[in-house]
Protein backbone atom coordinates (compact mmCIF):
# COMPACT_ATOMS: atom_id res chain seq x y z
CA MET A 1 37.61 -63.95 6.40
CA ARG A 2 39.65 -61.42 4.52
CA LYS A 3 40.56 -58.19 6.21
CA ASN A 4 38.58 -55.23 4.88
CA ASN A 5 41.11 -52.80 3.48
CA ARG A 6 41.53 -50.30 0.70
CA ARG A 7 43.18 -52.79 -1.68
CA GLU A 8 39.88 -54.62 -2.02
CA PHE A 9 38.38 -51.56 -3.63
CA LEU A 10 40.50 -52.28 -6.73
CA ALA A 11 39.98 -56.03 -6.81
CA ASP A 12 37.26 -56.47 -9.44
CA VAL A 13 38.73 -54.68 -12.45
CA GLY A 14 38.30 -57.68 -14.76
CA ARG A 15 34.69 -58.29 -13.88
CA GLY A 16 33.23 -56.36 -16.82
CA MET A 17 35.45 -58.24 -19.25
CA LEU A 18 34.29 -61.56 -17.81
CA VAL A 19 30.63 -60.61 -18.22
CA ALA A 20 31.27 -59.69 -21.83
CA SER A 21 33.00 -63.01 -22.52
CA VAL A 22 30.39 -65.35 -21.02
CA GLY A 23 27.29 -63.48 -22.15
CA ALA A 24 24.54 -61.73 -20.24
CA ALA A 25 22.33 -64.77 -19.57
CA VAL A 26 25.12 -66.89 -18.11
CA ALA A 27 26.47 -63.91 -16.20
CA ALA A 28 23.09 -63.35 -14.59
CA ASP A 29 22.98 -66.96 -13.41
CA LEU A 30 26.46 -66.56 -11.96
CA GLU A 31 25.47 -63.21 -10.43
CA LEU A 32 28.24 -61.57 -12.45
CA ALA A 33 25.81 -59.32 -14.25
CA PRO A 34 23.83 -56.79 -12.20
CA ALA A 35 20.54 -57.91 -10.70
CA TRP A 36 17.54 -55.62 -10.75
CA ALA A 37 14.19 -54.76 -9.27
CA GLY A 38 11.33 -53.91 -11.57
CA GLU A 39 10.93 -56.83 -14.01
CA ALA A 40 8.97 -59.44 -12.11
CA VAL A 41 8.72 -61.80 -15.08
CA GLU A 42 12.36 -62.72 -14.55
CA ARG A 43 13.80 -64.29 -11.41
CA LEU A 44 17.13 -63.55 -9.83
CA THR A 45 19.04 -66.81 -9.36
CA PHE A 46 22.33 -67.70 -7.72
CA GLY A 47 23.92 -70.55 -9.66
CA LYS A 48 25.22 -73.36 -7.47
CA MET A 49 23.93 -71.55 -4.39
CA GLU A 50 20.36 -71.54 -5.67
CA PRO A 51 19.07 -74.80 -4.06
CA LEU A 52 20.23 -73.74 -0.60
CA VAL A 53 18.95 -70.18 -1.05
CA ALA A 54 15.56 -71.55 -2.12
CA LEU A 55 15.54 -73.85 0.92
CA MET A 56 15.91 -70.80 3.17
CA GLN A 57 12.90 -69.18 1.50
CA GLU A 58 10.58 -72.15 1.03
CA THR A 59 10.94 -74.06 4.31
CA PRO A 60 8.53 -73.33 7.17
CA ALA A 61 10.48 -71.93 10.11
CA ASP A 62 9.54 -74.80 12.43
CA LYS A 63 11.10 -77.28 9.99
CA LEU A 64 14.18 -75.29 9.01
CA LEU A 65 16.72 -76.11 11.72
CA PRO A 66 16.49 -79.94 11.43
CA LEU A 67 17.05 -79.61 7.67
CA VAL A 68 19.98 -77.24 8.17
CA VAL A 69 21.62 -79.51 10.74
CA GLU A 70 21.26 -82.42 8.29
CA LYS A 71 22.95 -80.26 5.66
CA MET A 72 25.78 -79.64 8.11
CA LYS A 73 26.18 -83.36 8.71
CA GLY A 74 26.42 -83.72 4.95
CA GLY A 75 29.27 -81.22 4.74
CA ALA A 76 27.66 -77.79 4.52
CA ASP A 77 29.71 -75.29 6.52
CA LEU A 78 28.57 -72.23 8.43
CA ARG A 79 29.94 -69.85 5.84
CA THR A 80 27.88 -71.43 3.07
CA LEU A 81 24.74 -71.46 5.22
CA THR A 82 25.22 -67.82 6.18
CA ALA A 83 25.80 -66.85 2.55
CA ALA A 84 22.63 -68.64 1.43
CA ALA A 85 20.60 -66.94 4.15
CA ALA A 86 21.96 -63.52 3.14
CA LEU A 87 21.04 -64.05 -0.51
CA ALA A 88 17.60 -65.39 0.42
CA ASN A 89 17.05 -62.32 2.57
CA ALA A 90 18.23 -59.91 -0.11
CA ARG A 91 16.11 -61.49 -2.82
CA THR A 92 13.03 -61.52 -0.60
CA PHE A 93 13.20 -58.10 1.05
CA GLY A 94 15.62 -55.96 -0.94
CA GLY A 95 16.06 -53.58 1.98
CA HIS A 96 12.32 -52.83 2.22
CA ASP A 97 11.29 -54.73 5.36
CA TYR A 98 12.22 -53.63 8.92
CA THR A 99 12.52 -57.08 10.47
CA GLY A 100 13.99 -58.39 7.24
CA TYR A 101 16.93 -56.01 7.06
CA HIS A 102 17.55 -56.44 10.79
CA ALA A 103 17.96 -60.18 10.16
CA LEU A 104 20.31 -59.41 7.26
CA MET A 105 22.42 -57.11 9.45
CA ALA A 106 22.70 -59.84 12.12
CA LEU A 107 24.08 -62.53 9.78
CA ALA A 108 27.71 -61.45 9.53
CA PRO A 109 27.96 -60.72 13.28
CA ALA A 110 26.48 -64.17 14.04
CA TYR A 111 29.03 -65.82 11.77
CA GLN A 112 31.84 -63.84 13.38
CA MET A 113 30.57 -64.72 16.87
CA ALA A 114 30.70 -68.41 15.95
CA ALA A 115 34.49 -68.23 15.65
CA GLU A 116 34.71 -67.20 19.34
CA LEU A 117 32.84 -70.29 20.58
CA PRO A 118 34.02 -73.85 21.29
CA GLU A 119 33.72 -75.97 18.16
CA GLU A 120 30.64 -77.89 19.25
CA LYS A 121 28.74 -74.63 19.95
CA ARG A 122 29.82 -72.64 16.90
CA PRO A 123 26.64 -73.22 14.91
CA LEU A 124 24.40 -71.75 17.65
CA PRO A 125 24.49 -68.02 16.77
CA VAL A 126 24.17 -68.78 13.06
CA LEU A 127 21.26 -71.18 13.52
CA LYS A 128 19.54 -68.63 15.76
CA VAL A 129 19.66 -65.96 13.04
CA LEU A 130 18.80 -68.42 10.25
CA TYR A 131 15.61 -69.23 12.16
CA ARG A 132 14.78 -65.53 12.52
CA ASN A 133 15.55 -64.92 8.86
CA THR A 134 13.37 -67.71 7.50
CA SER A 135 10.57 -66.90 9.96
CA ARG A 136 10.30 -63.41 8.53
CA ILE A 137 10.59 -64.64 4.95
CA GLN A 138 7.71 -67.05 5.56
CA GLU A 139 5.62 -64.34 7.22
CA GLN A 140 5.99 -62.26 4.07
CA GLY A 141 4.98 -65.04 1.68
CA GLY A 142 8.22 -66.87 0.96
CA ARG A 143 9.17 -66.99 -2.71
CA LYS A 144 5.88 -65.39 -3.69
CA HIS A 145 7.22 -62.16 -2.24
CA GLU A 146 10.56 -61.25 -3.83
CA ALA A 147 11.84 -57.71 -4.09
CA LEU A 148 14.87 -58.26 -6.33
CA HIS A 149 14.68 -59.23 -10.01
CA PRO A 150 17.19 -58.90 -12.88
CA VAL A 151 16.88 -56.01 -15.36
CA ALA A 152 19.34 -54.15 -17.57
CA PRO A 153 21.71 -51.47 -16.18
CA ALA A 154 21.74 -47.86 -17.31
CA GLU A 155 24.36 -46.54 -19.66
CA GLU A 156 27.32 -45.21 -17.74
CA SER A 157 28.01 -41.51 -17.76
CA LYS A 158 31.26 -40.47 -19.43
CA GLU A 159 31.21 -37.20 -17.54
CA GLY A 160 31.82 -38.72 -14.10
CA GLY A 161 29.94 -37.64 -11.00
CA ASN A 162 28.48 -41.10 -10.58
CA GLY A 163 27.91 -40.72 -6.86
CA ASP A 164 26.01 -37.50 -7.54
CA ARG A 165 23.94 -39.24 -10.23
CA LEU A 166 23.01 -42.04 -7.85
CA ARG A 167 22.12 -39.60 -5.07
CA ASP A 168 20.03 -37.49 -7.46
CA ALA A 169 18.04 -40.52 -8.62
CA VAL A 170 17.33 -41.40 -4.99
CA ARG A 171 16.31 -37.83 -4.16
CA GLN A 172 13.89 -37.95 -7.07
CA ARG A 173 12.43 -41.13 -5.53
CA ASP A 174 13.00 -42.92 -8.84
CA GLU A 175 13.64 -46.50 -7.75
CA ARG A 176 14.30 -47.83 -11.23
CA ALA A 177 16.72 -45.07 -12.19
CA ALA A 178 18.58 -45.47 -8.89
CA GLU A 179 18.81 -49.24 -9.34
CA GLN A 180 19.99 -48.89 -12.93
CA THR A 181 22.59 -46.30 -12.01
CA PHE A 182 24.01 -48.43 -9.22
CA ALA A 183 24.04 -51.57 -11.38
CA ALA A 184 26.09 -49.72 -13.98
CA LEU A 185 28.55 -48.73 -11.24
CA ALA A 186 28.71 -52.32 -9.97
CA ARG A 187 30.03 -53.51 -13.33
CA GLY A 188 33.31 -51.87 -12.39
CA PRO A 189 35.38 -52.42 -9.24
CA ILE A 190 32.85 -53.06 -6.47
CA GLY A 191 34.85 -50.94 -4.05
CA GLU A 192 34.40 -47.91 -6.27
CA ALA A 193 30.69 -48.64 -6.44
CA PHE A 194 30.69 -48.73 -2.63
CA ASN A 195 32.35 -45.30 -2.58
CA HIS A 196 29.65 -43.94 -4.91
CA LEU A 197 26.95 -45.55 -2.76
CA GLN A 198 28.13 -43.46 0.18
CA PHE A 199 26.86 -40.27 -1.49
CA GLU A 200 23.32 -41.40 -0.74
CA ILE A 201 24.18 -42.99 2.63
CA GLU A 202 25.53 -39.59 3.75
CA ASP A 203 22.31 -37.87 2.66
CA GLU A 204 20.63 -38.56 6.02
CA VAL A 205 21.79 -39.78 9.43
CA ASP A 206 19.81 -42.94 10.05
CA VAL A 207 21.11 -46.00 11.90
CA HIS A 208 19.61 -48.49 9.45
CA ARG A 209 20.83 -46.55 6.44
CA VAL A 210 24.49 -46.66 7.48
CA VAL A 211 24.58 -50.02 9.29
CA LEU A 212 22.83 -51.84 6.43
CA SER A 213 25.43 -50.43 4.06
CA TRP A 214 28.34 -51.52 6.26
CA ARG A 215 27.05 -54.96 7.22
CA SER A 216 26.24 -55.68 3.57
CA TRP A 217 29.82 -54.80 2.67
CA VAL A 218 31.10 -57.21 5.34
CA LEU A 219 28.77 -59.96 4.12
CA ARG A 220 30.43 -60.05 0.73
CA ASP A 221 33.43 -61.65 2.46
CA ILE A 222 31.08 -64.51 3.33
CA THR A 223 29.07 -64.76 0.11
CA GLY A 224 31.94 -63.93 -2.24
CA SER A 225 32.41 -60.62 -4.04
CA GLU A 226 30.42 -61.85 -7.05
CA TYR A 227 27.31 -61.29 -4.94
CA ALA A 228 28.34 -57.89 -3.59
CA HIS A 229 26.00 -56.01 -5.90
CA THR A 230 22.98 -58.01 -4.75
CA LEU A 231 23.82 -57.22 -1.14
CA LEU A 232 24.57 -53.52 -1.63
CA ARG A 233 21.59 -52.73 -3.83
CA GLN A 234 19.44 -53.19 -0.73
CA SER A 235 20.86 -49.90 0.52
CA VAL A 236 19.79 -48.19 -2.69
CA LEU A 237 16.21 -49.37 -2.24
CA TYR A 238 16.21 -48.55 1.48
CA CYS A 239 17.28 -44.99 0.69
CA VAL A 240 14.58 -44.60 -1.97
CA ASP A 241 11.99 -45.66 0.61
CA ALA A 242 13.46 -43.19 3.10
CA GLU A 243 13.30 -40.41 0.53
CA LYS A 244 9.62 -41.10 -0.05
CA ARG A 245 9.01 -40.67 3.68
CA LEU A 246 10.99 -37.42 3.71
CA PHE A 247 8.91 -36.14 0.80
CA GLU A 248 5.69 -36.95 2.63
CA GLN A 249 7.01 -35.17 5.72
CA LYS A 250 8.21 -32.22 3.59
CA ARG A 251 11.52 -32.41 5.42
CA GLU A 252 15.06 -31.91 4.16
CA PRO A 253 17.76 -33.44 6.39
CA ALA A 254 20.15 -30.87 7.84
CA ILE A 255 23.21 -32.96 6.92
CA ARG A 256 22.59 -32.14 3.25
CA LYS A 257 23.68 -28.58 3.93
CA VAL A 258 26.14 -29.22 6.75
CA LEU A 259 28.33 -31.81 4.99
CA PRO A 260 29.09 -29.92 1.74
CA LYS A 261 29.56 -26.70 3.71
CA LEU A 262 32.19 -28.27 5.97
CA LEU A 263 33.99 -30.09 3.17
CA ASP A 264 34.31 -26.75 1.38
CA GLN A 265 35.02 -24.60 4.44
CA TYR A 266 37.90 -26.81 5.57
CA ARG A 267 39.14 -27.46 2.03
CA LEU A 268 39.02 -31.22 2.37
CA ALA A 269 38.29 -31.96 -1.29
CA GLY A 270 41.31 -33.55 -2.96
CA ARG A 271 43.25 -33.92 0.30
CA LYS A 272 44.57 -37.09 1.82
CA PRO A 273 43.70 -38.04 5.41
CA GLY A 274 46.36 -37.13 7.95
CA ASP A 275 48.24 -39.46 10.26
CA ARG A 276 48.67 -37.40 13.44
CA LYS A 277 47.93 -39.68 16.37
CA ALA A 278 46.11 -38.06 19.24
CA GLU A 279 46.88 -38.23 22.93
CA ASP A 280 44.28 -39.70 25.26
CA LYS A 281 43.32 -36.27 26.56
CA TRP A 282 42.59 -35.01 23.03
CA ILE A 283 40.36 -37.99 22.25
CA GLU A 284 38.47 -37.59 25.52
CA SER A 285 37.95 -33.90 24.79
CA LEU A 286 36.62 -34.51 21.27
CA ALA A 287 34.37 -37.31 22.56
CA ASN A 288 32.91 -34.93 25.14
CA THR A 289 32.30 -32.32 22.44
CA ILE A 290 30.50 -34.83 20.26
CA TYR A 291 28.46 -36.15 23.18
CA GLY A 292 27.57 -32.77 24.67
CA GLU A 293 27.28 -30.33 21.77
CA ARG A 294 24.64 -29.82 19.11
CA ARG A 295 25.10 -31.74 15.90
CA GLU A 296 26.45 -28.92 13.71
CA ARG A 297 29.10 -28.07 16.32
CA ALA A 298 30.21 -31.69 16.64
CA ALA A 299 30.48 -32.09 12.87
CA GLU A 300 32.53 -28.91 12.60
CA ALA A 301 34.89 -30.07 15.36
CA VAL A 302 35.61 -33.23 13.39
CA ALA A 303 36.03 -31.34 10.11
CA ALA A 304 38.54 -29.04 11.81
CA ALA A 305 40.43 -32.03 13.22
CA LEU A 306 40.60 -33.61 9.77
CA ALA A 307 41.92 -30.35 8.32
CA GLU A 308 44.60 -30.31 11.02
CA GLY A 309 45.77 -33.74 9.88
CA MET A 310 44.51 -35.77 12.82
CA SER A 311 44.31 -39.47 11.96
CA PRO A 312 40.89 -40.91 11.05
CA ALA A 313 41.47 -43.67 13.61
CA SER A 314 41.82 -41.13 16.44
CA ILE A 315 38.72 -39.23 15.35
CA GLY A 316 36.76 -42.45 14.91
CA GLU A 317 37.68 -43.53 18.42
CA ALA A 318 36.33 -40.26 19.83
CA ILE A 319 33.03 -40.73 17.96
CA SER A 320 32.71 -44.28 19.31
CA LEU A 321 33.44 -43.12 22.86
CA ALA A 322 30.71 -40.48 22.60
CA ALA A 323 28.25 -43.15 21.45
CA ASN A 324 29.40 -45.44 24.26
CA ARG A 325 28.59 -42.70 26.78
CA LEU A 326 25.03 -42.64 25.43
CA VAL A 327 24.75 -46.28 26.56
CA LEU A 328 26.33 -45.71 29.95
CA CYS A 329 24.25 -42.58 30.72
CA ASP A 330 20.96 -43.97 29.42
CA PRO A 331 18.25 -43.64 32.13
CA GLY A 332 16.32 -46.54 30.57
CA ARG A 333 12.98 -46.65 28.81
CA LYS A 334 10.18 -44.69 30.39
CA THR A 335 7.47 -46.80 28.73
CA ALA A 336 7.49 -50.48 27.84
CA GLU A 337 7.65 -51.77 24.28
CA PRO A 338 7.34 -55.38 23.05
CA GLY A 339 10.43 -57.20 24.30
CA LYS A 340 11.73 -54.03 25.96
CA PRO A 341 10.39 -53.39 29.49
CA VAL A 342 10.54 -50.15 31.44
CA GLY A 343 14.12 -49.37 32.43
CA SER A 344 15.67 -51.44 29.65
CA VAL A 345 18.46 -50.14 27.41
CA HIS A 346 18.75 -52.93 24.83
CA GLY A 347 17.28 -53.13 21.34
CA ALA A 348 16.58 -49.89 19.51
CA SER A 349 17.74 -47.66 22.37
CA VAL A 350 19.53 -44.38 21.79
CA GLY A 351 22.87 -45.74 23.00
CA VAL A 352 22.83 -49.07 21.17
CA HIS A 353 21.71 -47.40 17.95
CA ALA A 354 24.36 -44.71 18.34
CA SER A 355 27.10 -47.27 18.98
CA ASP A 356 26.17 -49.41 16.00
CA SER A 357 26.02 -46.28 13.82
CA ALA A 358 29.35 -44.91 15.02
CA ASN A 359 30.93 -48.31 14.40
CA ALA A 360 29.59 -48.35 10.85
CA TRP A 361 30.64 -44.78 10.05
CA ARG A 362 34.20 -45.29 11.29
CA ASN A 363 34.52 -48.66 9.52
CA ILE A 364 33.34 -47.17 6.24
CA ALA A 365 35.84 -44.35 6.76
CA GLY A 366 38.53 -47.00 7.20
CA VAL A 367 37.94 -48.75 3.87
CA GLY A 368 36.79 -45.89 1.64
CA ASN A 369 38.67 -43.40 -0.48
CA ALA A 370 39.73 -40.02 0.92
CA ARG A 371 36.40 -38.33 0.23
CA THR A 372 34.48 -41.20 1.85
CA THR A 373 36.79 -41.07 4.87
CA PHE A 374 36.25 -37.35 5.44
CA ALA A 375 32.51 -37.42 4.79
CA SER A 376 31.85 -40.52 6.90
CA LEU A 377 33.61 -39.13 9.97
CA ILE A 378 31.83 -35.77 9.69
CA CYS A 379 28.50 -37.59 9.32
CA GLY A 380 29.40 -39.93 12.17
CA ALA A 381 29.97 -37.00 14.53
CA PHE A 382 26.79 -35.26 13.36
CA HIS A 383 24.82 -38.50 13.80
CA THR A 384 26.15 -39.23 17.31
CA ALA A 385 25.72 -35.72 18.67
CA GLY A 386 22.52 -34.09 19.83
CA GLN A 387 21.09 -37.17 21.55
CA ASN A 388 21.98 -36.60 25.21
CA GLY A 389 18.73 -34.97 26.27
CA GLY A 390 17.32 -36.50 29.47
CA GLN A 391 20.39 -38.62 30.10
CA ASN A 392 21.92 -39.29 33.50
CA LYS A 393 24.68 -36.84 34.40
CA GLU A 394 27.12 -39.61 35.34
CA PRO A 395 27.72 -42.83 33.42
CA TYR A 396 27.32 -46.34 34.78
CA PRO A 397 28.88 -47.51 37.01
CA THR A 398 28.93 -44.81 39.67
CA ALA A 399 31.50 -44.63 42.46
CA GLU A 400 28.85 -45.82 44.89
CA GLN A 401 28.14 -48.89 42.76
CA LEU A 402 31.85 -49.69 42.52
CA ASP A 403 32.37 -49.29 46.26
CA LYS A 404 30.01 -52.17 46.94
CA ILE A 405 32.47 -54.60 45.31
CA GLU A 406 35.09 -55.92 47.70
CA THR A 407 36.60 -58.88 45.88
CA LYS A 408 39.42 -58.62 43.35
CA ASP A 409 39.41 -62.30 42.37
CA ALA A 410 38.77 -62.78 38.64
CA ASP A 411 36.57 -65.88 38.88
CA ARG A 412 34.52 -64.43 41.71
CA LEU A 413 33.97 -61.15 39.86
CA LEU A 414 32.69 -62.99 36.79
CA GLN A 415 30.46 -65.23 38.87
CA MET A 416 28.96 -62.16 40.50
CA ALA A 417 28.61 -60.48 37.11
CA GLU A 418 26.67 -63.47 35.78
CA SER A 419 24.39 -63.37 38.82
CA ALA A 420 23.78 -59.66 38.21
CA ILE A 421 22.90 -60.37 34.57
CA LYS A 422 20.37 -63.01 35.60
CA GLU A 423 18.88 -60.57 38.10
CA LYS A 424 18.66 -57.97 35.30
CA ASN A 425 20.78 -55.73 37.52
CA GLN A 426 22.32 -53.38 34.95
CA ALA A 427 24.27 -51.29 37.45
CA GLY A 428 25.70 -54.35 39.17
CA ALA A 429 26.76 -56.06 35.94
CA ALA A 430 28.44 -52.86 34.70
CA ALA A 431 30.26 -52.27 37.99
CA LEU A 432 31.54 -55.84 38.25
CA VAL A 433 32.89 -55.88 34.71
CA GLN A 434 34.56 -52.51 35.23
CA ARG A 435 36.16 -53.70 38.46
CA TYR A 436 37.30 -56.88 36.68
CA GLY A 437 39.02 -54.76 34.02
CA GLU A 438 40.60 -52.44 36.58
CA GLN A 439 42.33 -55.42 38.15
CA GLY A 440 44.10 -56.16 34.88
CA HIS A 441 42.36 -59.49 34.30
CA SER A 442 42.18 -61.00 30.82
CA ALA A 443 39.33 -59.69 28.69
CA ARG A 444 38.61 -63.04 27.04
CA PRO A 445 36.75 -64.65 29.98
CA ALA A 446 34.58 -61.54 30.31
CA PHE A 447 33.80 -61.65 26.60
CA ASP A 448 33.01 -65.37 26.89
CA LEU A 449 30.47 -64.64 29.61
CA LEU A 450 28.73 -61.90 27.65
CA LEU A 451 28.92 -63.83 24.38
CA ARG A 452 26.93 -66.65 25.98
CA TYR A 453 23.94 -64.34 26.41
CA ALA A 454 24.44 -62.51 23.13
CA VAL A 455 23.86 -65.94 21.58
CA SER A 456 20.97 -67.09 23.75
CA GLU A 457 18.92 -63.90 24.11
CA ASP A 458 16.73 -62.23 21.51
CA GLY A 459 18.01 -58.73 22.24
CA ALA A 460 15.06 -57.19 20.34
CA LEU A 461 16.88 -57.79 17.01
CA HIS A 462 20.12 -56.12 18.17
CA ALA A 463 22.06 -58.66 20.27
CA GLU A 464 24.36 -59.86 17.48
CA LYS A 465 25.08 -56.45 15.97
CA TYR A 466 25.83 -54.80 19.29
CA TYR A 467 28.05 -57.64 20.50
CA ARG A 468 30.06 -57.35 17.28
CA THR A 469 30.21 -53.56 17.62
CA VAL A 470 31.69 -53.88 21.10
CA THR A 471 34.13 -56.57 19.99
CA GLU A 472 35.46 -54.35 17.22
CA GLU A 473 35.56 -51.18 19.30
CA PHE A 474 37.35 -52.92 22.17
CA ALA A 475 39.98 -54.23 19.76
CA ALA A 476 40.45 -50.82 18.09
CA ALA A 477 40.48 -48.70 21.26
CA ARG A 478 43.57 -47.77 23.24
CA PRO A 479 43.90 -49.31 26.73
CA THR A 480 42.72 -46.15 28.47
CA PHE A 481 39.25 -46.41 26.93
CA ARG A 482 38.61 -49.95 25.75
CA TRP A 483 36.96 -51.31 28.91
CA ARG A 484 34.18 -48.73 28.63
CA HIS A 485 32.85 -50.70 25.67
CA LEU A 486 32.82 -53.99 27.56
CA VAL A 487 31.14 -52.31 30.56
CA ALA A 488 28.41 -51.03 28.23
CA LEU A 489 27.95 -54.53 26.84
CA ALA A 490 27.56 -55.88 30.39
CA ARG A 491 24.82 -53.33 31.05
CA VAL A 492 22.99 -54.14 27.81
CA THR A 493 23.34 -57.88 28.47
CA ALA A 494 21.66 -57.51 31.87
CA SER A 495 18.93 -55.46 30.21
CA GLU A 496 18.15 -58.05 27.53
CA TYR A 497 18.39 -61.15 29.75
CA GLY A 498 15.27 -63.25 30.20
CA GLN A 499 13.93 -63.34 26.65
CA THR A 500 15.46 -66.35 24.93
CA ALA A 501 15.65 -66.07 21.16
CA PRO A 502 13.19 -68.15 19.13
CA GLY A 503 14.94 -71.21 17.70
CA TYR A 504 17.77 -71.19 20.23
CA ALA A 505 16.47 -74.05 22.39
CA GLU A 506 15.81 -76.21 19.34
CA ALA A 507 19.30 -75.49 18.00
CA ARG A 508 20.84 -76.64 21.29
CA ARG A 509 18.76 -79.80 21.23
CA LEU A 510 19.71 -80.63 17.64
CA LEU A 511 23.40 -80.02 18.35
CA ASN A 512 23.32 -81.86 21.71
CA VAL A 513 24.98 -78.93 23.51
């Protein structure tokens, strides 16, 4: 896959000219013209991808995997299958359905996980999520229940302020106006449309709001940029739904006052991000501020750091470390939920949600324009902070837990870590992986161990996303901090063990692995 970088934000300049040359009807079939919700008499179609997309929607879940494996034997690759599933999901749910958008957000991580596996096992994570995706589509009525349809875009404003226009339409809970505004933006460079989309993403700190936006952006590398608008418009509809809930609650999110205040107070408008790299001590200090302080204080600390010229990468690392501490200090659930027993920390836990959110905020900051970079990091700090109530004072593993480990041998440590995972011993798994890292052993075997269970276990809809979050944060972090992310993954893996994902056993049987 291509690397996500700022150059891609200028890549689609000729798209509007192409739509004009081929005509609106053909462009809609090719997904070059914007696709819309609101006109159910027309159907959104995907050109050559349409038969496979329809297969993902129309096939009963218990019959899907044999058909998909046959497609693979006929030459269909994992990228094409993942792309078809993403488009089927978008067309069906449009960002409206909880389980639906969780399946969407798991698709790119599953595809990325496949590249880390031996060749014969690579389809497993993708097939697992395809099964989940089609199961939910079928539960909601298959092709009889489609959220996305093509309609005409709004006229573009010549006065600018397109991000503000999109945000205002969402705040007014006007789904059609929001869709039309975003479709007009998507006729230009899709990266600029993504920048404008962030105005509404920043309007509330909500894990699904920001992660859906980021994972949809990543998915366009798999589907092709011609389908980027279809993927990103889900965020528009999600935010409209969220605004309706806020209206019913008569609640205005605090970030709507905090963000513009800080951008103005620290004179960040029109500035370029700095490049001052921080020392380890500085990052640790900022992470502790974000973890321990109230949200407004954490956001201001990041705004001040940006004004001082500190690099976005350094600030993003501090935000991720604060979120990581929420995993390592989590006391575990007090009451059981479906798939999440007492004491568990996987699924929609504070720490996992915080880590996935921090990862999304810092990634968006890394590909956006200067305003997006500043706003995303301030929002990321605000989002991560204020969640440490009731947490353990010390993170896993404690000194006492580490002292129980006598061996330094790499293979033995991983064997013991796997045993701890199977015993659902979170403290033991975390301690063994930390000790393994302290000995200077290669990270790849530890990742291979944890990947095995990220593929096999259900994870309460979060296994794929969180594994990918940790993979990215480990790669981006400096040596002083990176093993904290892998230790957190070991803890979460032990928590989620014992609930095999639906479809996984059948996928193994069909692949003979």
